Protein backbone atom coordinates (compact mmCIF):
# COMPACT_ATOMS: atom_id res chain seq x y z
CA UNK A 1 -32.99 84.76 -60.35
CA UNK A 2 -36.54 85.50 -61.52
CA UNK A 3 -35.65 89.18 -62.07
CA UNK A 4 -32.60 88.15 -64.10
CA UNK A 5 -34.66 85.84 -66.30
CA UNK A 6 -37.23 88.60 -66.95
CA UNK A 7 -34.49 91.10 -67.79
CA UNK A 8 -32.36 88.95 -70.08
CA UNK A 9 -33.09 87.48 -73.49
CA UNK A 10 -33.65 83.81 -72.74
CA UNK A 11 -33.80 81.19 -75.48
CA UNK A 12 -34.64 77.52 -75.43
CA UNK A 13 -31.46 75.47 -75.27
CA UNK A 14 -30.92 72.40 -77.44
CA UNK A 15 -30.57 70.33 -74.29
CA UNK A 16 -33.86 71.30 -72.62
CA UNK A 17 -36.09 68.52 -73.96
CA UNK A 18 -33.78 65.70 -72.89
CA UNK A 19 -33.03 67.43 -69.57
CA UNK A 20 -36.75 67.73 -68.76
CA UNK A 21 -37.25 64.03 -69.43
CA UNK A 22 -34.49 63.26 -66.93
CA UNK A 23 -36.44 64.88 -64.07
CA UNK A 24 -39.95 63.85 -65.08
CA UNK A 25 -40.01 61.84 -61.84
CA UNK A 26 -37.92 61.87 -58.63
CA UNK A 27 -34.30 61.79 -59.72
CA UNK A 28 -31.07 63.80 -59.72
CA UNK A 29 -30.02 65.72 -62.83
CA UNK A 30 -26.45 67.02 -62.71
CA UNK A 31 -25.81 69.88 -65.16
CA UNK A 32 -22.07 70.31 -65.53
CA UNK A 33 -19.99 72.45 -67.81
CA UNK A 34 -17.77 75.46 -68.22
CA UNK A 35 -18.61 78.54 -66.16
CA UNK A 36 -20.80 81.19 -67.90
CA UNK A 37 -22.26 78.68 -70.37
CA UNK A 38 -25.83 79.12 -69.06
CA UNK A 39 -26.22 76.33 -66.48
CA UNK A 40 -28.12 78.53 -64.03
CA UNK A 41 -30.60 79.75 -66.64
CA UNK A 42 -31.11 76.24 -67.98
CA UNK A 43 -31.83 74.88 -64.50
CA UNK A 44 -34.35 77.69 -63.96
CA UNK A 45 -36.04 77.04 -67.30
CA UNK A 46 -36.40 73.34 -66.53
CA UNK A 47 -38.53 74.09 -63.49
CA UNK A 48 -40.46 77.04 -64.90
CA UNK A 49 -39.34 78.97 -61.85
CA UNK A 50 -41.49 76.70 -59.67
CA UNK A 51 -38.77 75.29 -57.45
CA UNK A 52 -36.61 75.93 -54.42
CA UNK A 53 -33.64 77.56 -56.15
CA UNK A 54 -30.37 78.26 -54.29
CA UNK A 55 -27.25 79.75 -55.90
CA UNK A 56 -24.24 78.88 -53.76
CA UNK A 57 -21.98 81.20 -55.72
CA UNK A 58 -23.79 84.06 -53.95
CA UNK A 59 -21.32 85.59 -51.48
CA UNK A 60 -24.12 85.85 -48.89
CA UNK A 61 -24.03 82.04 -48.65
CA UNK A 62 -20.27 81.80 -48.21
CA UNK A 63 -20.70 80.58 -44.62
CA UNK A 64 -23.30 77.93 -45.59
CA UNK A 65 -22.52 74.48 -44.17
CA UNK A 66 -23.92 71.02 -44.80
CA UNK A 67 -25.96 71.08 -41.59
CA UNK A 68 -27.73 74.21 -42.90
CA UNK A 69 -29.48 72.26 -45.67
CA UNK A 70 -32.28 70.97 -43.46
CA UNK A 71 -32.91 74.47 -42.06
CA UNK A 72 -33.06 75.77 -45.63
CA UNK A 73 -35.62 73.14 -46.58
CA UNK A 74 -37.75 73.85 -43.52
CA UNK A 75 -37.71 77.59 -44.25
CA UNK A 76 -38.94 76.89 -47.80
CA UNK A 77 -41.75 74.72 -46.42
CA UNK A 78 -42.89 77.50 -44.11
CA UNK A 79 -42.85 80.09 -46.91
CA UNK A 80 -44.17 78.19 -49.91
CA UNK A 81 -45.08 74.68 -48.84
CA UNK A 82 -43.32 71.43 -49.69
CA UNK A 83 -41.09 71.97 -52.79
CA UNK A 84 -41.34 69.31 -55.47
CA UNK A 85 -38.15 70.41 -57.21
CA UNK A 86 -34.90 71.56 -55.60
CA UNK A 87 -32.20 73.33 -57.61
CA UNK A 88 -28.74 73.64 -56.05
CA UNK A 89 -26.63 75.89 -58.27
CA UNK A 90 -22.81 75.62 -58.06
CA UNK A 91 -23.30 73.19 -55.20
CA UNK A 92 -19.63 72.18 -55.15
CA UNK A 93 -19.02 75.31 -53.05
CA UNK A 94 -20.56 73.49 -50.04
CA UNK A 95 -18.72 70.56 -48.49
CA UNK A 96 -20.84 67.59 -47.57
CA UNK A 97 -23.75 68.34 -49.93
CA UNK A 98 -23.75 64.79 -51.30
CA UNK A 99 -25.67 63.11 -48.44
CA UNK A 100 -28.42 65.76 -48.53
CA UNK A 101 -28.95 65.26 -52.28
CA UNK A 102 -28.87 61.49 -51.90
CA UNK A 103 -31.69 61.73 -49.36
CA UNK A 104 -33.74 64.22 -51.40
CA UNK A 105 -33.72 62.17 -54.59
CA UNK A 106 -35.94 59.49 -53.02
CA UNK A 107 -39.06 61.64 -53.32
CA UNK A 108 -38.04 64.88 -55.06
CA UNK A 109 -36.70 66.03 -58.37
CA UNK A 110 -33.27 67.51 -57.80
CA UNK A 111 -31.08 69.57 -60.13
CA UNK A 112 -27.47 70.25 -59.18
CA UNK A 113 -25.08 72.33 -61.27
CA UNK A 114 -21.32 72.68 -61.14
CA UNK A 115 -18.35 73.94 -63.13
CA UNK A 116 -16.05 71.06 -62.24
CA UNK A 117 -16.10 67.57 -63.71
CA UNK A 118 -15.09 66.29 -60.26
CA UNK A 119 -18.53 67.18 -58.91
CA UNK A 120 -19.79 63.62 -59.37
CA UNK A 121 -16.64 61.83 -58.26
CA UNK A 122 -15.73 60.61 -54.82
CA UNK A 123 -18.46 60.66 -52.22
CA UNK A 124 -21.21 61.74 -54.61
CA UNK A 125 -20.60 58.68 -56.76
CA UNK A 126 -20.68 56.50 -53.63
CA UNK A 127 -23.95 57.94 -52.32
CA UNK A 128 -25.85 57.94 -55.60
CA UNK A 129 -24.32 54.73 -56.96
CA UNK A 130 -25.13 55.73 -60.54
CA UNK A 131 -28.72 56.76 -59.78
CA UNK A 132 -28.51 60.13 -61.48
CA UNK A 133 -28.37 61.62 -64.99
CA UNK A 134 -25.43 63.74 -66.07
CA UNK A 135 -25.58 66.44 -68.75
CA UNK A 136 -22.61 68.53 -69.86
CA UNK A 137 -23.74 71.95 -71.07
CA UNK A 138 -21.68 73.74 -73.70
CA UNK A 139 -21.72 77.36 -74.88
CA UNK A 140 -24.25 78.12 -77.63
CA UNK A 141 -24.36 75.85 -80.65
CA UNK A 142 -24.72 77.50 -84.06
CA UNK A 143 -28.45 76.76 -83.88
CA UNK A 144 -28.70 78.51 -80.51
CA UNK A 145 -26.52 81.37 -81.78
CA UNK A 146 -29.01 82.06 -84.58
CA UNK A 147 -31.92 81.67 -82.19
CA UNK A 148 -30.40 84.17 -79.76
CA UNK A 149 -29.80 86.70 -82.52
CA UNK A 150 -33.39 86.36 -83.72
CA UNK A 151 -32.40 85.00 -87.15
CA UNK A 152 -35.42 83.34 -88.73
CA UNK A 153 -35.08 81.23 -91.84
CA UNK A 154 -37.98 80.96 -94.25
CA UNK A 155 -39.51 77.68 -95.40
CA UNK A 156 -37.30 75.92 -97.98
CA UNK A 157 -34.59 78.51 -97.29
CA UNK A 158 -31.87 76.10 -98.43
CA UNK A 159 -33.00 76.63 -102.03
CA UNK A 160 -32.36 80.36 -101.79
CA UNK A 161 -28.79 81.46 -102.59
CA UNK A 162 -29.39 84.67 -100.64
CA UNK A 163 -30.53 82.81 -97.51
CA UNK A 164 -27.63 80.34 -97.68
CA UNK A 165 -25.21 83.24 -98.07
CA UNK A 166 -26.76 84.85 -95.01
CA UNK A 167 -26.27 81.68 -92.98
CA UNK A 168 -22.63 81.53 -94.05
CA UNK A 169 -22.10 85.13 -92.93
CA UNK A 170 -23.60 84.30 -89.56
CA UNK A 171 -21.35 81.23 -89.40
CA UNK A 172 -18.29 83.42 -89.99
CA UNK A 173 -19.35 85.54 -87.01
CA UNK A 174 -20.06 82.46 -84.89
CA UNK A 175 -16.56 81.11 -85.48
CA UNK A 176 -15.17 84.51 -84.54
CA UNK A 177 -17.23 85.19 -81.38
CA UNK A 178 -18.01 81.67 -80.24
CA UNK A 179 -20.98 80.66 -78.14
CA UNK A 180 -20.61 82.14 -74.65
CA UNK A 181 -23.95 83.92 -74.13
CA UNK A 182 -22.34 87.12 -72.77
CA UNK A 183 -19.94 87.34 -75.71
CA UNK A 184 -22.76 86.85 -78.22
CA UNK A 185 -24.83 89.55 -76.53
CA UNK A 186 -22.20 92.16 -75.68
CA UNK A 187 -19.26 91.44 -77.97
CA UNK A 188 -16.03 89.50 -78.22
CA UNK A 189 -14.20 91.70 -75.71
CA UNK A 190 -16.07 89.87 -72.92
CA UNK A 191 -14.14 86.71 -73.76
CA UNK A 192 -10.94 88.02 -72.17
CA UNK A 193 -12.72 88.43 -68.84
CA UNK A 194 -14.43 85.05 -69.14
CA UNK A 195 -11.08 83.40 -69.83
CA UNK A 196 -9.37 85.14 -66.90
CA UNK A 197 -12.15 84.04 -64.55
CA UNK A 198 -11.86 80.45 -65.72
CA UNK A 199 -8.09 80.33 -65.29
CA UNK A 200 -7.85 82.26 -62.04
CA UNK A 201 -10.94 81.07 -60.17
CA UNK A 202 -11.72 77.62 -61.54
CA UNK A 203 -8.15 76.42 -61.96
CA UNK A 204 -5.50 78.38 -60.02
CA UNK A 205 -7.53 79.27 -56.92
CA UNK A 206 -9.57 76.04 -56.79
CA UNK A 207 -6.48 73.83 -56.93
CA UNK A 208 -4.00 76.11 -55.16
CA UNK A 209 -1.66 76.00 -58.16
CA UNK A 210 1.92 76.70 -57.10
CA UNK A 211 3.41 77.57 -60.50
CA UNK A 212 0.61 79.86 -61.68
CA UNK A 213 2.60 81.57 -64.46
CA UNK A 214 3.63 78.21 -65.89
CA UNK A 215 0.00 77.04 -65.88
CA UNK A 216 -1.09 80.21 -67.69
CA UNK A 217 1.56 79.62 -70.36
CA UNK A 218 0.60 75.97 -70.67
CA UNK A 219 -3.08 76.85 -71.11
CA UNK A 220 -2.35 79.51 -73.71
CA UNK A 221 -0.16 77.09 -75.66
CA UNK A 222 -2.75 74.29 -75.69
CA UNK A 223 -5.52 76.63 -76.78
CA UNK A 224 -3.47 78.46 -79.42
CA UNK A 225 -2.20 75.14 -80.80
CA UNK A 226 -5.39 73.17 -80.50
CA UNK A 227 -5.76 70.09 -82.70
CA UNK A 228 -1.97 69.58 -82.62
CA UNK A 229 -0.39 66.57 -80.96
CA UNK A 230 1.37 67.11 -77.64
CA UNK A 231 3.16 65.11 -74.96
CA UNK A 232 3.43 66.01 -71.30
CA UNK A 233 7.23 66.13 -71.49
CA UNK A 234 7.11 68.56 -74.42
CA UNK A 235 4.58 70.76 -72.61
CA UNK A 236 6.83 70.78 -69.55
CA UNK A 237 9.77 72.03 -71.60
CA UNK A 238 7.66 74.81 -73.11
CA UNK A 239 6.22 75.92 -69.75
CA UNK A 240 9.42 75.55 -67.75
CA UNK A 241 8.14 72.66 -65.63
CA UNK A 242 10.55 69.79 -65.00
CA UNK A 243 8.16 67.38 -63.29
CA UNK A 244 5.99 65.63 -65.87
CA UNK A 245 3.52 64.68 -63.12
CA UNK A 246 2.94 68.37 -62.40
CA UNK A 247 2.30 68.97 -66.10
CA UNK A 248 -0.20 66.11 -66.19
CA UNK A 249 -1.97 67.54 -63.13
CA UNK A 250 -2.15 71.03 -64.65
CA UNK A 251 -3.65 69.71 -67.89
CA UNK A 252 -6.18 67.72 -65.87
CA UNK A 253 -7.13 70.89 -63.94
CA UNK A 254 -7.88 72.66 -67.24
CA UNK A 255 -9.98 69.69 -68.31
CA UNK A 256 -11.85 69.51 -64.98
CA UNK A 257 -12.86 73.16 -65.49
CA UNK A 258 -14.14 72.28 -68.97
CA UNK A 259 -11.73 74.76 -70.55
CA UNK A 260 -10.22 72.04 -72.74
CA UNK A 261 -10.94 68.46 -73.75
CA UNK A 262 -8.18 65.94 -74.31
CA UNK A 263 -8.37 63.65 -77.32
CA UNK A 264 -6.52 60.34 -77.43
CA UNK A 265 -5.28 58.57 -80.54
CA UNK A 266 -7.49 55.63 -81.44
CA UNK A 267 -6.10 52.18 -80.82
CA UNK A 268 -7.74 48.84 -80.20
CA UNK A 269 -5.09 48.37 -77.49
CA UNK A 270 -5.58 50.47 -74.32
CA UNK A 271 -1.81 50.72 -73.87
CA UNK A 272 -1.51 52.25 -77.33
CA UNK A 273 -3.95 55.00 -76.35
CA UNK A 274 -2.08 55.75 -73.14
CA UNK A 275 1.37 56.00 -74.73
CA UNK A 276 0.43 57.96 -77.86
CA UNK A 277 0.53 61.78 -78.06
CA UNK A 278 -2.75 63.57 -77.37
CA UNK A 279 -4.58 66.58 -78.73
CA UNK A 280 -6.43 69.36 -76.91
CA UNK A 281 -9.59 71.11 -78.04
CA UNK A 282 -10.87 74.26 -76.23
CA UNK A 283 -14.51 74.66 -75.23
CA UNK A 284 -15.16 77.61 -77.59
CA UNK A 285 -13.91 79.02 -80.90
CA UNK A 286 -14.09 82.57 -79.55
CA UNK A 287 -11.57 81.68 -76.83
CA UNK A 288 -9.16 80.59 -79.57
CA UNK A 289 -9.59 83.87 -81.46
CA UNK A 290 -8.99 85.78 -78.22
CA UNK A 291 -5.78 84.00 -77.22
CA UNK A 292 -4.07 83.23 -80.51
CA UNK A 293 -1.15 85.44 -81.50
CA UNK A 294 -2.08 85.18 -85.17
CA UNK A 295 -4.22 87.94 -86.65
CA UNK A 296 -6.29 85.37 -88.54
CA UNK A 297 -6.21 81.79 -87.22
CA UNK A 298 -6.61 79.17 -89.91
CA UNK A 299 -10.29 78.80 -90.71
CA UNK A 300 -9.83 75.07 -91.22
CA UNK A 301 -8.70 74.68 -87.61
CA UNK A 302 -11.64 76.72 -86.30
CA UNK A 303 -13.93 74.55 -88.42
CA UNK A 304 -12.36 71.45 -86.91
CA UNK A 305 -12.99 72.79 -83.40
CA UNK A 306 -16.61 73.68 -84.24
CA UNK A 307 -17.21 70.14 -85.54
CA UNK A 308 -15.60 68.60 -82.44
CA UNK A 309 -17.81 70.66 -80.11
CA UNK A 310 -20.94 69.76 -82.07
CA UNK A 311 -20.08 66.07 -81.71
CA UNK A 312 -19.58 66.47 -77.97
CA UNK A 313 -22.89 68.36 -77.65
CA UNK A 314 -24.78 65.67 -79.53
CA UNK A 315 -23.43 62.90 -77.30
CA UNK A 316 -24.15 64.84 -74.11
CA UNK A 317 -27.59 66.18 -74.96
CA UNK A 318 -28.90 62.86 -76.28
CA UNK A 319 -27.51 60.92 -73.30
CA UNK A 320 -25.93 58.54 -75.81
CA UNK A 321 -22.73 56.92 -74.49
CA UNK A 322 -19.92 57.67 -76.89
CA UNK A 323 -16.25 58.52 -77.16
CA UNK A 324 -14.21 60.64 -79.56
CA UNK A 325 -10.65 59.90 -80.71
CA UNK A 326 -8.34 60.85 -83.56
CA UNK A 327 -6.71 58.33 -85.90
CA UNK A 328 -3.26 58.26 -87.47
CA UNK A 329 -1.16 55.90 -89.55
CA UNK A 330 2.15 56.35 -91.34
CA UNK A 331 0.47 58.09 -94.30
CA UNK A 332 -1.87 60.56 -92.62
CA UNK A 333 -4.64 61.06 -90.09
CA UNK A 334 -8.38 61.43 -89.65
CA UNK A 335 -9.52 64.22 -87.34
CA UNK A 336 -12.16 62.30 -85.39
CA UNK A 337 -13.25 58.74 -84.79
CA UNK A 338 -16.57 58.63 -82.95
CA UNK A 339 -17.37 55.39 -81.15
CA UNK A 340 -21.11 55.17 -80.52
CA UNK A 341 -23.69 52.42 -80.54
CA UNK A 342 -21.05 49.76 -81.15
CA UNK A 343 -19.97 51.46 -84.36
CA UNK A 344 -17.07 53.68 -85.40
CA UNK A 345 -17.62 56.78 -87.54
CA UNK A 346 -14.56 58.51 -89.12
CA UNK A 347 -14.96 62.29 -89.62
CA UNK A 348 -12.55 64.50 -91.53
CA UNK A 349 -12.67 68.32 -91.59
CA UNK A 350 -11.16 70.41 -94.39
CA UNK A 351 -11.82 73.87 -95.70
CA UNK A 352 -12.00 72.60 -99.29
CA UNK A 353 -11.50 69.33 -101.14
CA UNK A 354 -10.07 71.20 -104.11
CA UNK A 355 -6.50 70.00 -104.51
CA UNK A 356 -6.73 67.81 -101.38
CA UNK A 357 -9.42 65.32 -102.39
CA UNK A 358 -7.08 62.36 -102.89
CA UNK A 359 -5.41 62.88 -99.52
CA UNK A 360 -8.55 63.55 -97.47
CA UNK A 361 -10.63 60.81 -99.08
CA UNK A 362 -7.68 58.42 -98.94
CA UNK A 363 -7.29 58.97 -95.20
CA UNK A 364 -10.99 58.31 -94.62
CA UNK A 365 -10.87 55.14 -96.74
CA UNK A 366 -7.81 53.72 -94.95
CA UNK A 367 -9.30 54.52 -91.53
CA UNK A 368 -12.66 53.01 -92.48
CA UNK A 369 -11.04 49.79 -93.65
CA UNK A 370 -8.81 49.56 -90.58
CA UNK A 371 -11.75 50.18 -88.26
CA UNK A 372 -14.33 48.26 -90.31
CA UNK A 373 -16.48 51.37 -90.42
CA UNK A 374 -19.47 51.35 -92.74
CA UNK A 375 -19.31 55.02 -93.70
CA UNK A 376 -17.30 58.19 -93.30
CA UNK A 377 -18.03 61.92 -93.20
CA UNK A 378 -16.08 64.84 -94.63
CA UNK A 379 -17.05 68.34 -93.43
CA UNK A 380 -16.02 71.17 -95.78
CA UNK A 381 -16.85 74.87 -95.92
CA UNK A 382 -19.36 74.59 -98.74
CA UNK A 383 -18.84 71.41 -100.80
CA UNK A 384 -21.54 68.76 -100.66
CA UNK A 385 -22.16 65.36 -102.16
CA UNK A 386 -21.39 61.67 -101.88
CA UNK A 387 -18.20 59.78 -102.67
CA UNK A 388 -17.61 56.04 -102.87
CA UNK A 389 -14.12 54.61 -103.10
CA UNK A 390 -12.93 51.04 -102.55
CA UNK A 391 -16.34 50.14 -101.15
CA UNK A 392 -16.32 52.94 -98.56
CA UNK A 393 -19.23 55.40 -98.67
CA UNK A 394 -18.40 58.97 -97.72
CA UNK A 395 -20.85 61.82 -97.20
CA UNK A 396 -19.48 65.30 -97.89
CA UNK A 397 -21.33 67.90 -95.79
CA UNK A 398 -20.92 71.71 -95.71
CA UNK A 399 -20.13 73.04 -92.25
CA UNK A 400 -23.31 75.12 -91.98
CA UNK A 401 -25.43 72.04 -92.63
CA UNK A 402 -23.48 69.89 -90.16
CA UNK A 403 -23.86 72.50 -87.42
CA UNK A 404 -27.49 73.38 -88.13
CA UNK A 405 -28.78 69.82 -88.32
CA UNK A 406 -26.19 68.44 -85.94
CA UNK A 407 -24.28 65.24 -85.51
CA UNK A 408 -27.39 63.81 -83.85
CA UNK A 409 -28.85 62.99 -87.28
CA UNK A 410 -25.89 60.68 -87.86
CA UNK A 411 -26.40 59.20 -84.41
CA UNK A 412 -30.00 58.33 -85.22
CA UNK A 413 -28.90 56.36 -88.26
CA UNK A 414 -26.33 54.23 -86.40
């Protein structure tokens, strides 16, 4: 791993500061997220390379068993002394790892990584009983994208039309390529391989999927039609699956692998959330560009996905409990309702307010009144300003500003 870190261009991730605070003393930090998003590098950076680091995705450890953990620890003691930090990368590959980690956390700092959201369910949840910190790592944010490319912005750059235009050009590329580190470094063609690995290894092989072709079609449909409402019965008809329970399982497999996120319609009644259609949002804009059959996917939909992912990053990296929904009434919808800190924040995404201002603002106003929200946000490509209608305050933010300064600035004001 040390040779890899020396060879590659490594940047500081947005999540590093909060992650380091989580293991400032004996504790367990679980770094979860989609494969190839940089979990291994982040875990290495957190320790400065001064840790017992084991990557269980290495084929040489394929025969590793739970009773080998103690021998591994003893070997490390003989070679380097007592390790203060232990990093177990892709630890879900070893059955029975939970008890070892539960014992270690009493006097060591432990980092575990995994590409399945089920990593902390079942026995792990029983052994740790909530005594751990969980961080979901996403592909590069726009900030990290610029950092990786070496783009440096001068002081007061926002007052320079040339610099703002440069940022917008970079944003166009970011929406096209997405944030997977390999795709940013080597080009968009890597995304096809990343996607195949995710589907084949993290979904089909991991779960022993019987109707593999149907799952592939289902995944392609959800990703190509992201931000559109779906029902399990409708998905089953499209994929040729009669059993709605099988469809529900297949969608959950895609979500467990962090390939998609499901979004429920907001309702104060839990039953209303369960019975309403859902939406799916992929983990990366580049994946959408790779799979869609359209030559040029609608920029507004890519913007919507970029905003959704920034919201999810902000909640994960700040360790702030929060949930994201969408909202709909008989007259229209609002893309996102973020519940955080006891408050609800409506967020609408549109390429331009020109010709759509009454509809977009009207939707935000109705949602704000129904939810008793104090303010709303509209994210556009370049428009900026403040709107107040019927007592509802709305901030209009250009996408580049929302992504550069992040949803976290809105979190800090709630």
